[in-house]
Amino acid sequence: PVSHIMTPKDQLVTVKEGESNENIKKLLHEHRIEKVIVINDDFRLRGLITVNDFTKAENNPNACKDEHGRLRVGAAVGTGADTQARVEALIAADVDIIVVDTAHGHSKGVIDKVSWIKKNFPNVQVIGGNIATGDAALALRDAGADAVKVGIGPGSICTTRIIAGVGMPQISAIDSVANALQDSIPLIADGGIRYSGDMAKAIAAGASCIMVGS
């Protein structure tokens, strides 16, 4: 039976919601355990805190977290017929950022979706992209975008320039967008980061931050 495997209720080490980190660490040390259960006033499970949680928090002090201590989460959507349903489901799941993400962000579909999201969910941060010109940045900003993502084709695995026949050198794109926005909203440099010097160039050209990975 399960009772032979599970720890009896009266032997569980638990803490109430809102308990201080100091007290939780003390409990973990006193009982020589690596995890503690978080419960509410009705003794219902609300979460689990482990030694690794504290280790990660100490090793990553600049991690972007919400008011509940959870890592902030962004999700990308396109411009298809099911986009609105996807956005509604993501927001119901407490997503922090919606990225309307396509290979050609200076398009009616992207602009309309950015506008719709901000109109219906004004408290959600929205990023529009990808773009490569100042005009595109202004169009997305005016539609309600909280930030824009810059880069058409600079990524190591990106085929936009080959397939679509369009694109712009990344530094030129960043410079064009930065000059148009004049720091009104953030500019995310997306792609083309192969060496540390590429990051320095992107920031120098006007990027607010850099997106890396493949």
C-alpha atoms as a PDB file:
ATOM      1  CA  PRO A   1       0.000   0.000   0.000  1.00  0.00           C
ATOM      2  CA  VAL A   2       0.931   3.631  -0.463  1.00  0.00           C
ATOM      3  CA  SER A   3       1.213   4.075   3.305  1.00  0.00           C
ATOM      4  CA  HIS A   4       4.305   1.854   3.270  1.00  0.00           C
ATOM      5  CA  ILE A   5       6.043   4.181   0.833  1.00  0.00           C
ATOM      6  CA  MET A   6       4.854   7.696   1.669  1.00  0.00           C
ATOM      7  CA  THR A   7       5.873   9.678   4.752  1.00  0.00           C
ATOM      8  CA  PRO A   8       3.056   9.832   7.353  1.00  0.00           C
ATOM      9  CA  LYS A   9       1.401  13.221   7.726  1.00  0.00           C
ATOM     10  CA  ASP A  10       2.569  13.704  11.308  1.00  0.00           C
ATOM     11  CA  GLN A  11       6.181  13.233  10.200  1.00  0.00           C
ATOM     12  CA  LEU A  12       6.130  15.695   7.323  1.00  0.00           C
ATOM     13  CA  VAL A  13       8.280  18.812   7.567  1.00  0.00           C
ATOM     14  CA  THR A  14       6.134  21.685   6.333  1.00  0.00           C
ATOM     15  CA  VAL A  15       6.013  25.466   6.238  1.00  0.00           C
ATOM     16  CA  LYS A  16       3.144  27.877   5.705  1.00  0.00           C
ATOM     17  CA  GLU A  17       2.902  30.152   2.686  1.00  0.00           C
ATOM     18  CA  GLY A  18       4.952  33.303   3.180  1.00  0.00           C
ATOM     19  CA  GLU A  19       7.510  31.745   5.524  1.00  0.00           C
ATOM     20  CA  SER A  20      10.869  33.522   5.539  1.00  0.00           C
ATOM     21  CA  ASN A  21      13.874  32.096   3.728  1.00  0.00           C
ATOM     22  CA  GLU A  22      15.856  32.117   6.958  1.00  0.00           C
ATOM     23  CA  ASN A  23      13.359  29.877   8.767  1.00  0.00           C
ATOM     24  CA  ILE A  24      13.108  27.513   5.810  1.00  0.00           C
ATOM     25  CA  LYS A  25      16.898  27.153   5.639  1.00  0.00           C
ATOM     26  CA  LYS A  26      16.937  26.494   9.384  1.00  0.00           C
ATOM     27  CA  LEU A  27      14.353  23.717   9.025  1.00  0.00           C
ATOM     28  CA  LEU A  28      16.246  22.103   6.171  1.00  0.00           C
ATOM     29  CA  HIS A  29      19.432  22.125   8.232  1.00  0.00           C
ATOM     30  CA  GLU A  30      17.828  20.883  11.466  1.00  0.00           C
ATOM     31  CA  HIS A  31      16.072  17.952   9.816  1.00  0.00           C
ATOM     32  CA  ARG A  32      18.915  17.167   7.404  1.00  0.00           C
ATOM     33  CA  ILE A  33      16.544  17.204   4.460  1.00  0.00           C
ATOM     34  CA  GLU A  34      16.776  18.695   0.971  1.00  0.00           C
ATOM     35  CA  LYS A  35      13.159  19.716   0.475  1.00  0.00           C
ATOM     36  CA  VAL A  36      10.275  21.126   2.469  1.00  0.00           C
ATOM     37  CA  ILE A  37       6.559  21.168   1.637  1.00  0.00           C
ATOM     38  CA  VAL A  38       4.619  24.443   1.523  1.00  0.00           C
ATOM     39  CA  ILE A  39       1.014  24.232   2.754  1.00  0.00           C
ATOM     40  CA  ASN A  40      -1.897  26.585   3.397  1.00  0.00           C
ATOM     41  CA  ASP A  41      -4.115  26.861   6.480  1.00  0.00           C
ATOM     42  CA  ASP A  42      -6.164  23.861   5.294  1.00  0.00           C
ATOM     43  CA  PHE A  43      -3.034  21.718   4.994  1.00  0.00           C
ATOM     44  CA  ARG A  44      -3.327  21.684   1.235  1.00  0.00           C
ATOM     45  CA  LEU A  45      -0.174  21.494  -0.837  1.00  0.00           C
ATOM     46  CA  ARG A  46       0.876  24.856  -2.265  1.00  0.00           C
ATOM     47  CA  GLY A  47       4.430  24.172  -3.333  1.00  0.00           C
ATOM     48  CA  LEU A  48       7.804  22.581  -2.705  1.00  0.00           C
ATOM     49  CA  ILE A  49      11.033  24.338  -1.747  1.00  0.00           C
ATOM     50  CA  THR A  50      14.361  22.591  -2.197  1.00  0.00           C
ATOM     51  CA  VAL A  51      17.970  23.270  -1.338  1.00  0.00           C
ATOM     52  CA  ASN A  52      18.597  23.718  -5.056  1.00  0.00           C
ATOM     53  CA  ASP A  53      16.110  26.596  -5.120  1.00  0.00           C
ATOM     54  CA  PHE A  54      18.300  28.541  -2.703  1.00  0.00           C
ATOM     55  CA  THR A  55      21.474  27.552  -4.548  1.00  0.00           C
ATOM     56  CA  LYS A  56      20.070  28.746  -7.878  1.00  0.00           C
ATOM     57  CA  ALA A  57      18.874  32.011  -6.345  1.00  0.00           C
ATOM     58  CA  GLU A  58      22.318  32.683  -4.873  1.00  0.00           C
ATOM     59  CA  ASN A  59      24.152  31.751  -8.077  1.00  0.00           C
ATOM     60  CA  ASN A  60      21.814  33.799 -10.287  1.00  0.00           C
ATOM     61  CA  PRO A  61      21.020  37.004  -8.366  1.00  0.00           C
ATOM     62  CA  ASN A  62      20.071  38.878 -11.545  1.00  0.00           C
ATOM     63  CA  ALA A  63      17.478  36.362 -12.727  1.00  0.00           C
ATOM     64  CA  CYS A  64      14.304  38.107 -13.891  1.00  0.00           C
ATOM     65  CA  LYS A  65      11.529  37.040 -11.519  1.00  0.00           C
ATOM     66  CA  ASP A  66       7.992  38.178 -10.776  1.00  0.00           C
ATOM     67  CA  GLU A  67       6.548  39.207  -7.422  1.00  0.00           C
ATOM     68  CA  HIS A  68       6.059  35.527  -6.523  1.00  0.00           C
ATOM     69  CA  GLY A  69       9.688  34.641  -7.148  1.00  0.00           C
ATOM     70  CA  ARG A  70       8.936  32.801 -10.381  1.00  0.00           C
ATOM     71  CA  LEU A  71      11.090  33.237 -13.473  1.00  0.00           C
ATOM     72  CA  ARG A  72       9.326  35.508 -15.924  1.00  0.00           C
ATOM     73  CA  VAL A  73       8.123  33.729 -19.045  1.00  0.00           C
ATOM     74  CA  GLY A  74       7.693  34.992 -22.587  1.00  0.00           C
ATOM     75  CA  ALA A  75       5.862  33.141 -25.343  1.00  0.00           C
ATOM     76  CA  ALA A  76       5.948  33.644 -29.099  1.00  0.00           C
ATOM     77  CA  VAL A  77       2.877  33.656 -31.328  1.00  0.00           C
ATOM     78  CA  GLY A  78       2.430  34.146 -35.043  1.00  0.00           C
ATOM     79  CA  THR A  79      -0.348  35.792 -37.011  1.00  0.00           C
ATOM     80  CA  GLY A  80      -2.449  32.778 -37.969  1.00  0.00           C
ATOM     81  CA  ALA A  81      -6.173  32.275 -37.469  1.00  0.00           C
ATOM     82  CA  ASP A  82      -5.661  30.684 -34.046  1.00  0.00           C
ATOM     83  CA  THR A  83      -3.428  33.436 -32.656  1.00  0.00           C
ATOM     84  CA  GLN A  84      -6.118  35.097 -30.550  1.00  0.00           C
ATOM     85  CA  ALA A  85      -7.035  31.795 -28.892  1.00  0.00           C
ATOM     86  CA  ARG A  86      -3.355  31.098 -28.224  1.00  0.00           C
ATOM     87  CA  VAL A  87      -2.844  34.533 -26.685  1.00  0.00           C
ATOM     88  CA  GLU A  88      -5.883  34.117 -24.426  1.00  0.00           C
ATOM     89  CA  ALA A  89      -4.656  30.696 -23.276  1.00  0.00           C
ATOM     90  CA  LEU A  90      -1.153  32.017 -22.603  1.00  0.00           C
ATOM     91  CA  ILE A  91      -2.435  34.935 -20.566  1.00  0.00           C
ATOM     92  CA  ALA A  92      -4.694  32.598 -18.591  1.00  0.00           C
ATOM     93  CA  ALA A  93      -1.514  30.642 -17.797  1.00  0.00           C
ATOM     94  CA  ASP A  94       0.116  33.851 -16.420  1.00  0.00           C
ATOM     95  CA  VAL A  95       2.573  34.503 -19.239  1.00  0.00           C
ATOM     96  CA  ASP A  96       4.528  37.731 -18.702  1.00  0.00           C
ATOM     97  CA  ILE A  97       5.403  38.660 -22.286  1.00  0.00           C
ATOM     98  CA  ILE A  98       3.855  37.947 -25.664  1.00  0.00           C
ATOM     99  CA  VAL A  99       6.160  38.093 -28.692  1.00  0.00           C
ATOM    100  CA  VAL A 100       4.436  38.503 -32.047  1.00  0.00           C
ATOM    101  CA  ASP A 101       7.265  36.825 -33.889  1.00  0.00           C
ATOM    102  CA  THR A 102       7.548  36.485 -37.670  1.00  0.00           C
ATOM    103  CA  ALA A 103      10.289  36.680 -40.286  1.00  0.00           C
ATOM    104  CA  HIS A 104       8.808  39.956 -41.574  1.00  0.00           C
ATOM    105  CA  GLY A 105       7.507  42.069 -38.697  1.00  0.00           C
ATOM    106  CA  HIS A 106       6.696  45.143 -40.762  1.00  0.00           C
ATOM    107  CA  SER A 107       3.432  43.688 -42.018  1.00  0.00           C
ATOM    108  CA  LYS A 108      -0.264  44.290 -41.487  1.00  0.00           C
ATOM    109  CA  GLY A 109      -0.695  40.939 -39.787  1.00  0.00           C
ATOM    110  CA  VAL A 110       1.909  41.657 -37.116  1.00  0.00           C
ATOM    111  CA  ILE A 111       0.830  45.258 -36.574  1.00  0.00           C
ATOM    112  CA  ASP A 112      -2.828  44.247 -36.240  1.00  0.00           C
ATOM    113  CA  LYS A 113      -2.005  41.453 -33.777  1.00  0.00           C
ATOM    114  CA  VAL A 114       0.131  43.749 -31.616  1.00  0.00           C
ATOM    115  CA  SER A 115      -2.678  46.306 -31.564  1.00  0.00           C
ATOM    116  CA  TRP A 116      -5.300  43.668 -30.700  1.00  0.00           C
ATOM    117  CA  ILE A 117      -3.274  42.244 -27.819  1.00  0.00           C
ATOM    118  CA  LYS A 118      -2.607  45.654 -26.255  1.00  0.00           C
ATOM    119  CA  LYS A 119      -6.246  46.664 -26.665  1.00  0.00           C
ATOM    120  CA  ASN A 120      -7.597  43.524 -25.013  1.00  0.00           C
ATOM    121  CA  PHE A 121      -4.786  42.867 -22.513  1.00  0.00           C
ATOM    122  CA  PRO A 122      -3.200  46.261 -21.763  1.00  0.00           C
ATOM    123  CA  ASN A 123      -1.187  44.971 -18.807  1.00  0.00           C
ATOM    124  CA  VAL A 124       0.694  42.367 -20.837  1.00  0.00           C
ATOM    125  CA  GLN A 125       4.043  43.339 -22.318  1.00  0.00           C
ATOM    126  CA  VAL A 126       4.145  42.855 -26.101  1.00  0.00           C
ATOM    127  CA  ILE A 127       7.207  42.598 -28.341  1.00  0.00           C
ATOM    128  CA  GLY A 128       6.900  42.891 -32.122  1.00  0.00           C
ATOM    129  CA  GLY A 129       9.312  41.663 -34.767  1.00  0.00           C
ATOM    130  CA  ASN A 130      11.423  40.880 -36.524  1.00  0.00           C
ATOM    131  CA  ILE A 131      12.217  44.118 -38.291  1.00  0.00           C
ATOM    132  CA  ALA A 132      15.176  45.906 -39.875  1.00  0.00           C
ATOM    133  CA  THR A 133      14.121  49.531 -40.481  1.00  0.00           C
ATOM    134  CA  GLY A 134      13.188  52.632 -38.565  1.00  0.00           C
ATOM    135  CA  ASP A 135       9.809  52.867 -40.287  1.00  0.00           C
ATOM    136  CA  ALA A 136       8.959  49.356 -39.137  1.00  0.00           C
ATOM    137  CA  ALA A 137       9.927  50.207 -35.560  1.00  0.00           C
ATOM    138  CA  LEU A 138       7.722  53.288 -35.501  1.00  0.00           C
ATOM    139  CA  ALA A 139       4.786  51.361 -36.951  1.00  0.00           C
ATOM    140  CA  LEU A 140       5.029  48.711 -34.233  1.00  0.00           C
ATOM    141  CA  ARG A 141       5.547  51.264 -31.479  1.00  0.00           C
ATOM    142  CA  ASP A 142       2.497  53.209 -32.602  1.00  0.00           C
ATOM    143  CA  ALA A 143       0.488  49.968 -32.631  1.00  0.00           C
ATOM    144  CA  GLY A 144       1.316  49.528 -28.946  1.00  0.00           C
ATOM    145  CA  ALA A 145       4.454  47.380 -28.905  1.00  0.00           C
ATOM    146  CA  ASP A 146       6.426  47.687 -25.667  1.00  0.00           C
ATOM    147  CA  ALA A 147       9.629  46.669 -27.474  1.00  0.00           C
ATOM    148  CA  VAL A 148      10.790  45.608 -30.925  1.00  0.00           C
ATOM    149  CA  LYS A 149      12.996  42.766 -32.055  1.00  0.00           C
ATOM    150  CA  VAL A 150      15.554  43.644 -34.732  1.00  0.00           C
ATOM    151  CA  GLY A 151      17.231  41.246 -37.124  1.00  0.00           C
ATOM    152  CA  ILE A 152      16.266  39.757 -40.473  1.00  0.00           C
ATOM    153  CA  GLY A 153      18.625  37.014 -41.508  1.00  0.00           C
ATOM    154  CA  PRO A 154      21.724  37.488 -39.300  1.00  0.00           C
ATOM    155  CA  GLY A 155      21.283  34.288 -37.292  1.00  0.00           C
ATOM    156  CA  SER A 156      23.562  31.305 -37.901  1.00  0.00           C
ATOM    157  CA  ILE A 157      20.636  29.037 -38.818  1.00  0.00           C
ATOM    158  CA  CYS A 158      18.341  31.685 -40.296  1.00  0.00           C
ATOM    159  CA  THR A 159      17.399  31.244 -43.956  1.00  0.00           C
ATOM    160  CA  THR A 160      15.235  34.354 -44.418  1.00  0.00           C
ATOM    161  CA  ARG A 161      17.741  36.159 -46.636  1.00  0.00           C
ATOM    162  CA  ILE A 162      18.168  33.059 -48.786  1.00  0.00           C
ATOM    163  CA  ILE A 163      14.510  32.055 -49.070  1.00  0.00           C
ATOM    164  CA  ALA A 164      12.854  35.477 -49.124  1.00  0.00           C
ATOM    165  CA  GLY A 165      15.669  37.434 -50.733  1.00  0.00           C
ATOM    166  CA  VAL A 166      15.445  40.235 -48.173  1.00  0.00           C
ATOM    167  CA  GLY A 167      17.486  41.347 -45.193  1.00  0.00           C
ATOM    168  CA  MET A 168      19.911  43.930 -43.880  1.00  0.00           C
ATOM    169  CA  PRO A 169      23.298  43.785 -42.141  1.00  0.00           C
ATOM    170  CA  GLN A 170      22.576  43.622 -38.413  1.00  0.00           C
ATOM    171  CA  ILE A 171      24.510  46.712 -37.320  1.00  0.00           C
ATOM    172  CA  SER A 172      22.825  48.779 -40.045  1.00  0.00           C
ATOM    173  CA  ALA A 173      19.416  47.516 -38.930  1.00  0.00           C
ATOM    174  CA  ILE A 174      20.079  48.287 -35.269  1.00  0.00           C
ATOM    175  CA  ASP A 175      21.343  51.765 -36.113  1.00  0.00           C
ATOM    176  CA  SER A 176      18.296  52.520 -38.276  1.00  0.00           C
ATOM    177  CA  VAL A 177      15.839  51.392 -35.611  1.00  0.00           C
ATOM    178  CA  ALA A 178      17.677  53.114 -32.759  1.00  0.00           C
ATOM    179  CA  ASN A 179      17.725  56.433 -34.611  1.00  0.00           C
ATOM    180  CA  ALA A 180      14.005  56.179 -35.288  1.00  0.00           C
ATOM    181  CA  LEU A 181      12.940  55.165 -31.786  1.00  0.00           C
ATOM    182  CA  GLN A 182      15.176  57.587 -29.871  1.00  0.00           C
ATOM    183  CA  ASP A 183      14.932  55.409 -26.732  1.00  0.00           C
ATOM    184  CA  SER A 184      11.114  55.579 -26.687  1.00  0.00           C
ATOM    185  CA  ILE A 185      10.890  51.776 -26.340  1.00  0.00           C
ATOM    186  CA  PRO A 186      13.570  49.078 -25.998  1.00  0.00           C
ATOM    187  CA  LEU A 187      15.314  47.582 -29.011  1.00  0.00           C
ATOM    188  CA  ILE A 188      16.254  43.896 -28.849  1.00  0.00           C
ATOM    189  CA  ALA A 189      19.102  42.855 -31.147  1.00  0.00           C
ATOM    190  CA  ASP A 190      18.221  39.348 -32.327  1.00  0.00           C
ATOM    191  CA  GLY A 191      20.794  37.216 -34.111  1.00  0.00           C
ATOM    192  CA  GLY A 192      24.278  37.529 -35.537  1.00  0.00           C
ATOM    193  CA  ILE A 193      26.054  37.074 -32.202  1.00  0.00           C
ATOM    194  CA  ARG A 194      28.987  34.769 -32.872  1.00  0.00           C
ATOM    195  CA  TYR A 195      31.716  36.403 -30.790  1.00  0.00           C
ATOM    196  CA  SER A 196      31.842  38.622 -27.702  1.00  0.00           C
ATOM    197  CA  GLY A 197      32.704  41.591 -29.894  1.00  0.00           C
ATOM    198  CA  ASP A 198      29.372  41.237 -31.690  1.00  0.00           C
ATOM    199  CA  MET A 199      27.589  42.046 -28.440  1.00  0.00           C
ATOM    200  CA  ALA A 200      29.667  45.167 -27.924  1.00  0.00           C
ATOM    201  CA  LYS A 201      28.915  46.309 -31.478  1.00  0.00           C
ATOM    202  CA  ALA A 202      25.173  45.756 -31.047  1.00  0.00           C
ATOM    203  CA  ILE A 203      25.072  47.783 -27.827  1.00  0.00           C
ATOM    204  CA  ALA A 204      27.218  50.518 -29.361  1.00  0.00           C
ATOM    205  CA  ALA A 205      24.860  50.712 -32.344  1.00  0.00           C
ATOM    206  CA  GLY A 206      21.894  51.322 -30.046  1.00  0.00           C
ATOM    207  CA  ALA A 207      20.524  47.988 -28.841  1.00  0.00           C
ATOM    208  CA  SER A 208      18.955  47.915 -25.381  1.00  0.00           C
ATOM    209  CA  CYS A 209      19.690  44.211 -24.979  1.00  0.00           C
ATOM    210  CA  ILE A 210      20.749  41.188 -26.999  1.00  0.00           C
ATOM    211  CA  MET A 211      19.035  37.910 -27.822  1.00  0.00           C
ATOM    212  CA  VAL A 212      21.268  34.871 -28.343  1.00  0.00           C
ATOM    213  CA  GLY A 213      20.791  31.166 -28.942  1.00  0.00           C
ATOM    214  CA  SER A 214      19.788  28.859 -31.761  1.00  0.00           C
END
